[in-house]
Amino acid sequence: MLWLPISEITVATSDRGSPGYDYLLINTDDNEKAHAKYLGSK
């Protein structure tokens, strides 16, 4: 996948990813999805 900095991205919570990957990134320009892990502090 190639997501450009100008791509529109939506972030949603998800319970279907691998353990620890609780978010779903959705590229709304191309309708592509990827599970993600939050790396910041909560």
PDB file of N, CA and C in Angstrom:
ATOM      1  N   MET A   1       0.839  -1.177   0.000  1.00  0.00           N
ATOM      2  CA  MET A   1       0.000   0.000   0.000  1.00  0.00           C
ATOM      3  C   MET A   1       0.886   1.243   0.000  1.00  0.00           C
ATOM      4  N   LEU A   2       0.447   2.239  -0.682  1.00  0.00           N
ATOM      5  CA  LEU A   2       1.149   3.514  -0.693  1.00  0.00           C
ATOM      6  C   LEU A   2       0.157   4.594  -0.299  1.00  0.00           C
ATOM      7  N   TRP A   3       0.318   5.106   0.908  1.00  0.00           N
ATOM      8  CA  TRP A   3      -0.553   6.174   1.398  1.00  0.00           C
ATOM      9  C   TRP A   3       0.246   7.463   1.389  1.00  0.00           C
ATOM     10  N   LEU A   4      -0.224   8.429   0.663  1.00  0.00           N
ATOM     11  CA  LEU A   4       0.448   9.712   0.552  1.00  0.00           C
ATOM     12  C   LEU A   4       0.076  10.617   1.728  1.00  0.00           C
ATOM     13  N   PRO A   5       0.924  11.594   2.047  1.00  0.00           N
ATOM     14  CA  PRO A   5       0.603  12.518   3.145  1.00  0.00           C
ATOM     15  C   PRO A   5      -0.703  13.285   2.931  1.00  0.00           C
ATOM     16  N   ILE A   6      -1.160  13.377   1.698  1.00  0.00           N
ATOM     17  CA  ILE A   6      -2.406  14.098   1.417  1.00  0.00           C
ATOM     18  C   ILE A   6      -3.633  13.179   1.460  1.00  0.00           C
ATOM     19  N   SER A   7      -3.430  11.890   1.718  1.00  0.00           N
ATOM     20  CA  SER A   7      -4.544  10.938   1.776  1.00  0.00           C
ATOM     21  C   SER A   7      -5.426  11.245   2.977  1.00  0.00           C
ATOM     22  N   GLU A   8      -6.724  11.071   2.805  1.00  0.00           N
ATOM     23  CA  GLU A   8      -7.685  11.240   3.895  1.00  0.00           C
ATOM     24  C   GLU A   8      -7.711   9.941   4.698  1.00  0.00           C
ATOM     25  N   ILE A   9      -7.405  10.041   5.998  1.00  0.00           N
ATOM     26  CA  ILE A   9      -7.345   8.869   6.872  1.00  0.00           C
ATOM     27  C   ILE A   9      -8.349   9.028   8.011  1.00  0.00           C
ATOM     28  N   THR A  10      -9.108   7.977   8.264  1.00  0.00           N
ATOM     29  CA  THR A  10     -10.027   7.922   9.391  1.00  0.00           C
ATOM     30  C   THR A  10      -9.490   6.895  10.379  1.00  0.00           C
ATOM     31  N   VAL A  11      -9.540   7.202  11.671  1.00  0.00           N
ATOM     32  CA  VAL A  11      -9.084   6.280  12.706  1.00  0.00           C
ATOM     33  C   VAL A  11     -10.299   5.798  13.486  1.00  0.00           C
ATOM     34  N   ALA A  12     -10.417   4.476  13.624  1.00  0.00           N
ATOM     35  CA  ALA A  12     -11.530   3.880  14.364  1.00  0.00           C
ATOM     36  C   ALA A  12     -10.973   2.817  15.310  1.00  0.00           C
ATOM     37  N   THR A  13     -11.677   2.546  16.386  1.00  0.00           N
ATOM     38  CA  THR A  13     -11.270   1.449  17.260  1.00  0.00           C
ATOM     39  C   THR A  13     -11.699   0.135  16.619  1.00  0.00           C
ATOM     40  N   SER A  14     -10.961  -0.920  16.937  1.00  0.00           N
ATOM     41  CA  SER A  14     -11.252  -2.224  16.349  1.00  0.00           C
ATOM     42  C   SER A  14     -10.888  -3.318  17.345  1.00  0.00           C
ATOM     43  N   ASP A  15     -11.661  -4.373  17.355  1.00  0.00           N
ATOM     44  CA  ASP A  15     -11.341  -5.526  18.211  1.00  0.00           C
ATOM     45  C   ASP A  15     -10.989  -6.747  17.366  1.00  0.00           C
ATOM     46  N   ARG A  16     -10.712  -6.549  16.089  1.00  0.00           N
ATOM     47  CA  ARG A  16     -10.433  -7.667  15.187  1.00  0.00           C
ATOM     48  C   ARG A  16      -8.967  -7.783  14.786  1.00  0.00           C
ATOM     49  N   GLY A  17      -8.121  -6.863  15.223  1.00  0.00           N
ATOM     50  CA  GLY A  17      -6.703  -6.916  14.868  1.00  0.00           C
ATOM     51  C   GLY A  17      -5.944  -7.870  15.784  1.00  0.00           C
ATOM     52  N   SER A  18      -4.653  -8.001  15.535  1.00  0.00           N
ATOM     53  CA  SER A  18      -3.793  -8.788  16.408  1.00  0.00           C
ATOM     54  C   SER A  18      -3.782  -8.147  17.794  1.00  0.00           C
ATOM     55  N   PRO A  19      -3.446  -8.903  18.833  1.00  0.00           N
ATOM     56  CA  PRO A  19      -3.410  -8.323  20.182  1.00  0.00           C
ATOM     57  C   PRO A  19      -2.552  -7.052  20.231  1.00  0.00           C
ATOM     58  N   GLY A  20      -3.115  -5.994  20.802  1.00  0.00           N
ATOM     59  CA  GLY A  20      -2.416  -4.725  20.906  1.00  0.00           C
ATOM     60  C   GLY A  20      -2.684  -3.778  19.738  1.00  0.00           C
ATOM     61  N   TYR A  21      -3.213  -4.292  18.664  1.00  0.00           N
ATOM     62  CA  TYR A  21      -3.525  -3.469  17.489  1.00  0.00           C
ATOM     63  C   TYR A  21      -5.021  -3.150  17.529  1.00  0.00           C
ATOM     64  N   ASP A  22      -5.351  -2.174  18.375  1.00  0.00           N
ATOM     65  CA  ASP A  22      -6.747  -1.876  18.696  1.00  0.00           C
ATOM     66  C   ASP A  22      -7.370  -0.795  17.819  1.00  0.00           C
ATOM     67  N   TYR A  23      -6.655  -0.346  16.810  1.00  0.00           N
ATOM     68  CA  TYR A  23      -7.164   0.723  15.957  1.00  0.00           C
ATOM     69  C   TYR A  23      -7.157   0.282  14.503  1.00  0.00           C
ATOM     70  N   LEU A  24      -8.060   0.850  13.738  1.00  0.00           N
ATOM     71  CA  LEU A  24      -8.150   0.586  12.315  1.00  0.00           C
ATOM     72  C   LEU A  24      -7.978   1.906  11.581  1.00  0.00           C
ATOM     73  N   LEU A  25      -6.960   1.977  10.724  1.00  0.00           N
ATOM     74  CA  LEU A  25      -6.755   3.152   9.885  1.00  0.00           C
ATOM     75  C   LEU A  25      -7.431   2.882   8.550  1.00  0.00           C
ATOM     76  N   ILE A  26      -8.246   3.824   8.113  1.00  0.00           N
ATOM     77  CA  ILE A  26      -8.988   3.657   6.861  1.00  0.00           C
ATOM     78  C   ILE A  26      -8.617   4.796   5.932  1.00  0.00           C
ATOM     79  N   ASN A  27      -8.015   4.458   4.807  1.00  0.00           N
ATOM     80  CA  ASN A  27      -7.699   5.436   3.774  1.00  0.00           C
ATOM     81  C   ASN A  27      -8.975   5.617   2.958  1.00  0.00           C
ATOM     82  N   THR A  28      -9.687   6.703   3.204  1.00  0.00           N
ATOM     83  CA  THR A  28     -10.988   6.894   2.559  1.00  0.00           C
ATOM     84  C   THR A  28     -10.867   7.284   1.092  1.00  0.00           C
ATOM     85  N   ASP A  29      -9.669   7.677   0.653  1.00  0.00           N
ATOM     86  CA  ASP A  29      -9.473   7.976  -0.765  1.00  0.00           C
ATOM     87  C   ASP A  29      -9.462   6.691  -1.601  1.00  0.00           C
ATOM     88  N   ASP A  30      -8.811   5.640  -1.054  1.00  0.00           N
ATOM     89  CA  ASP A  30      -8.634   4.382  -1.795  1.00  0.00           C
ATOM     90  C   ASP A  30      -9.413   3.220  -1.199  1.00  0.00           C
ATOM     91  N   ASN A  31     -10.123   3.455  -0.074  1.00  0.00           N
ATOM     92  CA  ASN A  31     -10.865   2.418   0.640  1.00  0.00           C
ATOM     93  C   ASN A  31      -9.951   1.262   1.056  1.00  0.00           C
ATOM     94  N   GLU A  32      -8.735   1.596   1.519  1.00  0.00           N
ATOM     95  CA  GLU A  32      -7.809   0.602   2.041  1.00  0.00           C
ATOM     96  C   GLU A  32      -7.794   0.712   3.561  1.00  0.00           C
ATOM     97  N   LYS A  33      -7.528  -0.416   4.232  1.00  0.00           N
ATOM     98  CA  LYS A  33      -7.563  -0.446   5.689  1.00  0.00           C
ATOM     99  C   LYS A  33      -6.323  -1.137   6.224  1.00  0.00           C
ATOM    100  N   ALA A  34      -5.899  -0.721   7.426  1.00  0.00           N
ATOM    101  CA  ALA A  34      -4.770  -1.356   8.108  1.00  0.00           C
ATOM    102  C   ALA A  34      -4.972  -1.247   9.606  1.00  0.00           C
ATOM    103  N   HIS A  35      -4.713  -2.337  10.328  1.00  0.00           N
ATOM    104  CA  HIS A  35      -4.775  -2.275  11.787  1.00  0.00           C
ATOM    105  C   HIS A  35      -3.527  -1.592  12.302  1.00  0.00           C
ATOM    106  N   ALA A  36      -3.666  -0.890  13.421  1.00  0.00           N
ATOM    107  CA  ALA A  36      -2.554  -0.101  13.952  1.00  0.00           C
ATOM    108  C   ALA A  36      -2.484  -0.215  15.459  1.00  0.00           C
ATOM    109  N   LYS A  37      -1.283   0.031  15.966  1.00  0.00           N
ATOM    110  CA  LYS A  37      -1.013   0.016  17.396  1.00  0.00           C
ATOM    111  C   LYS A  37      -0.737   1.446  17.839  1.00  0.00           C
ATOM    112  N   TYR A  38      -1.327   1.861  18.958  1.00  0.00           N
ATOM    113  CA  TYR A  38      -1.109   3.206  19.487  1.00  0.00           C
ATOM    114  C   TYR A  38       0.242   3.243  20.193  1.00  0.00           C
ATOM    115  N   LEU A  39       1.123   4.156  19.799  1.00  0.00           N
ATOM    116  CA  LEU A  39       2.460   4.238  20.367  1.00  0.00           C
ATOM    117  C   LEU A  39       2.658   5.409  21.308  1.00  0.00           C
ATOM    118  N   GLY A  40       1.650   6.278  21.438  1.00  0.00           N
ATOM    119  CA  GLY A  40       1.772   7.430  22.317  1.00  0.00           C
ATOM    120  C   GLY A  40       1.467   7.063  23.761  1.00  0.00           C
ATOM    121  N   SER A  41       1.530   8.042  24.634  1.00  0.00           N
ATOM    122  CA  SER A  41       1.180   7.807  26.031  1.00  0.00           C
ATOM    123  C   SER A  41      -0.295   8.099  26.233  1.00  0.00           C
ATOM    124  N   LYS A  42      -0.924   7.343  27.086  1.00  0.00           N
ATOM    125  CA  LYS A  42      -2.374   7.493  27.303  1.00  0.00           C
ATOM    126  C   LYS A  42      -2.650   8.303  28.526  1.00  0.00           C
TER     127      LYS A  42
END
